[in-house]
C-alpha atoms as a PDB file:
ATOM      1  CA  MET A   1    -149.448  -1.008 -63.745  1.00  0.00           C
ATOM      2  CA  ASN A   2    -149.017  -4.690 -64.534  1.00  0.00           C
ATOM      3  CA  TYR A   3    -147.255  -6.518 -61.687  1.00  0.00           C
ATOM      4  CA  GLU A   4    -147.321  -9.988 -63.228  1.00  0.00           C
ATOM      5  CA  ARG A   5    -144.029 -11.296 -64.573  1.00  0.00           C
ATOM      6  CA  LYS A   6    -143.364 -14.462 -66.529  1.00  0.00           C
ATOM      7  CA  LEU A   7    -140.424 -16.556 -65.349  1.00  0.00           C
ATOM      8  CA  GLU A   8    -138.928 -19.310 -67.475  1.00  0.00           C
ATOM      9  CA  PHE A   9    -136.136 -21.723 -66.666  1.00  0.00           C
ATOM     10  CA  SER A  10    -133.246 -21.879 -69.111  1.00  0.00           C
ATOM     11  CA  SER A  11    -131.592 -25.149 -68.218  1.00  0.00           C
ATOM     12  CA  ALA A  12    -130.482 -28.435 -69.747  1.00  0.00           C
ATOM     13  CA  TYR A  13    -133.094 -30.367 -67.748  1.00  0.00           C
ATOM     14  CA  PHE A  14    -135.721 -27.756 -66.829  1.00  0.00           C
ATOM     15  CA  SER A  15    -135.979 -25.473 -69.885  1.00  0.00           C
ATOM     16  CA  GLY A  16    -139.477 -24.441 -70.718  1.00  0.00           C
ATOM     17  CA  PHE A  17    -140.838 -24.639 -67.169  1.00  0.00           C
ATOM     18  CA  THR A  18    -142.682 -21.347 -66.770  1.00  0.00           C
ATOM     19  CA  LEU A  19    -144.685 -19.606 -64.120  1.00  0.00           C
ATOM     20  CA  SER A  20    -146.120 -16.179 -63.500  1.00  0.00           C
ATOM     21  CA  ILE A  21    -145.527 -14.200 -60.330  1.00  0.00           C
ATOM     22  CA  ASP A  22    -146.819 -10.998 -58.810  1.00  0.00           C
ATOM     23  CA  ILE A  23    -143.581  -9.048 -58.493  1.00  0.00           C
ATOM     24  CA  ARG A  24    -144.901  -6.970 -55.565  1.00  0.00           C
ATOM     25  CA  TYR A  25    -144.302  -9.866 -53.165  1.00  0.00           C
ATOM     26  CA  PHE A  26    -140.534 -10.096 -53.706  1.00  0.00           C
ATOM     27  CA  ASP A  27    -137.762  -7.920 -52.294  1.00  0.00           C
ATOM     28  CA  ASN A  28    -134.783  -9.336 -54.178  1.00  0.00           C
ATOM     29  CA  ILE A  29    -133.734 -11.637 -56.996  1.00  0.00           C
ATOM     30  CA  ASP A  30    -132.912 -14.534 -54.662  1.00  0.00           C
ATOM     31  CA  GLU A  31    -136.510 -14.558 -53.407  1.00  0.00           C
ATOM     32  CA  ILE A  32    -137.749 -14.712 -56.997  1.00  0.00           C
ATOM     33  CA  ILE A  33    -135.413 -17.581 -57.849  1.00  0.00           C
ATOM     34  CA  ASN A  34    -136.296 -19.501 -54.675  1.00  0.00           C
ATOM     35  CA  HIS A  35    -140.013 -19.080 -55.341  1.00  0.00           C
ATOM     36  CA  ALA A  36    -139.621 -20.374 -58.909  1.00  0.00           C
ATOM     37  CA  LYS A  37    -137.439 -23.249 -57.720  1.00  0.00           C
ATOM     38  CA  ASP A  38    -140.000 -24.171 -55.017  1.00  0.00           C
ATOM     39  CA  ASN A  39    -142.722 -24.282 -57.677  1.00  0.00           C
ATOM     40  CA  LEU A  40    -140.624 -26.540 -59.865  1.00  0.00           C
ATOM     41  CA  VAL A  41    -139.823 -28.840 -56.927  1.00  0.00           C
ATOM     42  CA  ALA A  42    -143.539 -29.087 -56.094  1.00  0.00           C
ATOM     43  CA  VAL A  43    -144.313 -30.261 -59.637  1.00  0.00           C
ATOM     44  CA  LEU A  44    -141.446 -32.752 -59.593  1.00  0.00           C
ATOM     45  CA  GLN A  45    -142.551 -34.070 -56.187  1.00  0.00           C
ATOM     46  CA  LYS A  46    -146.132 -34.450 -57.375  1.00  0.00           C
ATOM     47  CA  TYR A  47    -144.962 -36.858 -60.066  1.00  0.00           C
ATOM     48  CA  ASN A  48    -142.208 -38.455 -57.964  1.00  0.00           C
ATOM     49  CA  PHE A  49    -139.221 -37.336 -60.055  1.00  0.00           C
ATOM     50  CA  ILE A  50    -136.725 -38.007 -57.276  1.00  0.00           C
ATOM     51  CA  LEU A  51    -133.567 -37.939 -59.415  1.00  0.00           C
ATOM     52  CA  LEU A  52    -134.573 -34.673 -61.062  1.00  0.00           C
ATOM     53  CA  ILE A  53    -135.194 -33.127 -57.633  1.00  0.00           C
ATOM     54  CA  GLU A  54    -131.728 -34.211 -56.523  1.00  0.00           C
ATOM     55  CA  TYR A  55    -130.244 -32.719 -59.688  1.00  0.00           C
ATOM     56  CA  LEU A  56    -132.232 -29.503 -59.217  1.00  0.00           C
ATOM     57  CA  ASN A  57    -130.962 -29.126 -55.656  1.00  0.00           C
ATOM     58  CA  GLY A  58    -127.394 -29.082 -56.987  1.00  0.00           C
ATOM     59  CA  CYS A  59    -128.052 -26.374 -59.576  1.00  0.00           C
ATOM     60  CA  ASN A  60    -126.826 -22.805 -59.197  1.00  0.00           C
ATOM     61  CA  PHE A  61    -129.776 -20.857 -60.587  1.00  0.00           C
ATOM     62  CA  HIS A  62    -129.360 -17.180 -61.337  1.00  0.00           C
ATOM     63  CA  ILE A  63    -130.799 -14.310 -63.322  1.00  0.00           C
ATOM     64  CA  HIS A  64    -128.117 -12.455 -65.223  1.00  0.00           C
ATOM     65  CA  THR A  65    -130.230 -10.681 -67.829  1.00  0.00           C
ATOM     66  CA  HIS A  66    -132.100  -8.320 -65.485  1.00  0.00           C
ATOM     67  CA  SER A  67    -131.470  -6.452 -62.266  1.00  0.00           C
ATOM     68  CA  LEU A  68    -134.310  -6.271 -59.734  1.00  0.00           C
ATOM     69  CA  GLU A  69    -135.133  -2.779 -60.974  1.00  0.00           C
ATOM     70  CA  GLU A  70    -135.327  -4.020 -64.558  1.00  0.00           C
ATOM     71  CA  ILE A  71    -137.621  -6.853 -63.484  1.00  0.00           C
ATOM     72  CA  LEU A  72    -139.887  -4.340 -61.761  1.00  0.00           C
ATOM     73  CA  LEU A  73    -140.063  -2.093 -64.822  1.00  0.00           C
ATOM     74  CA  SER A  74    -140.051  -4.643 -67.649  1.00  0.00           C
ATOM     75  CA  ASN A  75    -142.728  -6.958 -68.979  1.00  0.00           C
ATOM     76  CA  ASP A  76    -140.111  -9.197 -70.611  1.00  0.00           C
ATOM     77  CA  THR A  77    -139.870 -12.890 -69.802  1.00  0.00           C
ATOM     78  CA  ILE A  78    -137.286 -13.342 -67.046  1.00  0.00           C
ATOM     79  CA  TYR A  79    -135.020 -16.332 -67.623  1.00  0.00           C
ATOM     80  CA  ILE A  80    -133.645 -18.321 -64.704  1.00  0.00           C
ATOM     81  CA  CYS A  81    -130.420 -19.921 -65.838  1.00  0.00           C
ATOM     82  CA  ASP A  82    -128.160 -22.655 -64.452  1.00  0.00           C
ATOM     83  CA  HIS A  83    -125.801 -23.411 -67.316  1.00  0.00           C
ATOM     84  CA  CYS A  84    -123.479 -20.481 -67.786  1.00  0.00           C
ATOM     85  CA  ASP A  85    -120.718 -18.651 -66.018  1.00  0.00           C
ATOM     86  CA  ASP A  86    -121.832 -15.137 -66.961  1.00  0.00           C
ATOM     87  CA  ILE A  87    -121.608 -12.399 -64.370  1.00  0.00           C
ATOM     88  CA  MET A  88    -124.844 -12.013 -62.478  1.00  0.00           C
ATOM     89  CA  ILE A  89    -126.532  -8.649 -61.998  1.00  0.00           C
ATOM     90  CA  ASP A  90    -127.905  -8.048 -58.512  1.00  0.00           C
END
């Protein structure tokens, strides 16, 4: 079974930022989002994008296209969104 999942931000400022994770290390969607956000912050810090980091810290990131079970079973790209008011699936 393939445990690698592709995450991609869907955001006005961060769209296109992607990373791959091993889904076996995460117990819930919040852990996935926090891991992706930490990776993005690390890249922004590396290049000293202070204002973007401040903006990022104010974003409400969520995954509303997949439940945790769907993430575990699907090989689809998982989008992490911050620009909609859709109901989140947990």
